[in-house]
């Protein structure tokens, strides 16, 4: 019996939680470090405090981000870090994106004719 068409395309491997552009940007920023200060992530991703808070809450609920609160001197700080599950999910999501981007972009060797016509 042959494999069904459903589930064969790499898009089925995309993580819906990570795929949203702001969340993807947050996770990508956190993937580059062990942890990052909330303000650094906010400024890097170019969103407001409230937007970042909402998106981080979604990532935290999914188990992808850990939030730690503390102080630097007398000033309160919030640090964000990817969990091991978050790192694994991000790696799998990026692998799926590469598979999608590579599909049909291999010089015609993927059985798509290589001309791009008819799409």
Foldseek 3Di string as FASTA:
>chain_A
DDDDPPPPALVVQADPLCPPVLNVQLLVVQLVDQKDWLVVSCVSSVHDSVVSVVSVVSCVVVVQKDWDWDDDVNHIIIMIHGDPVNNVSSVSNVVSVVRNVVQLVVCCPNVPNNPPPPD
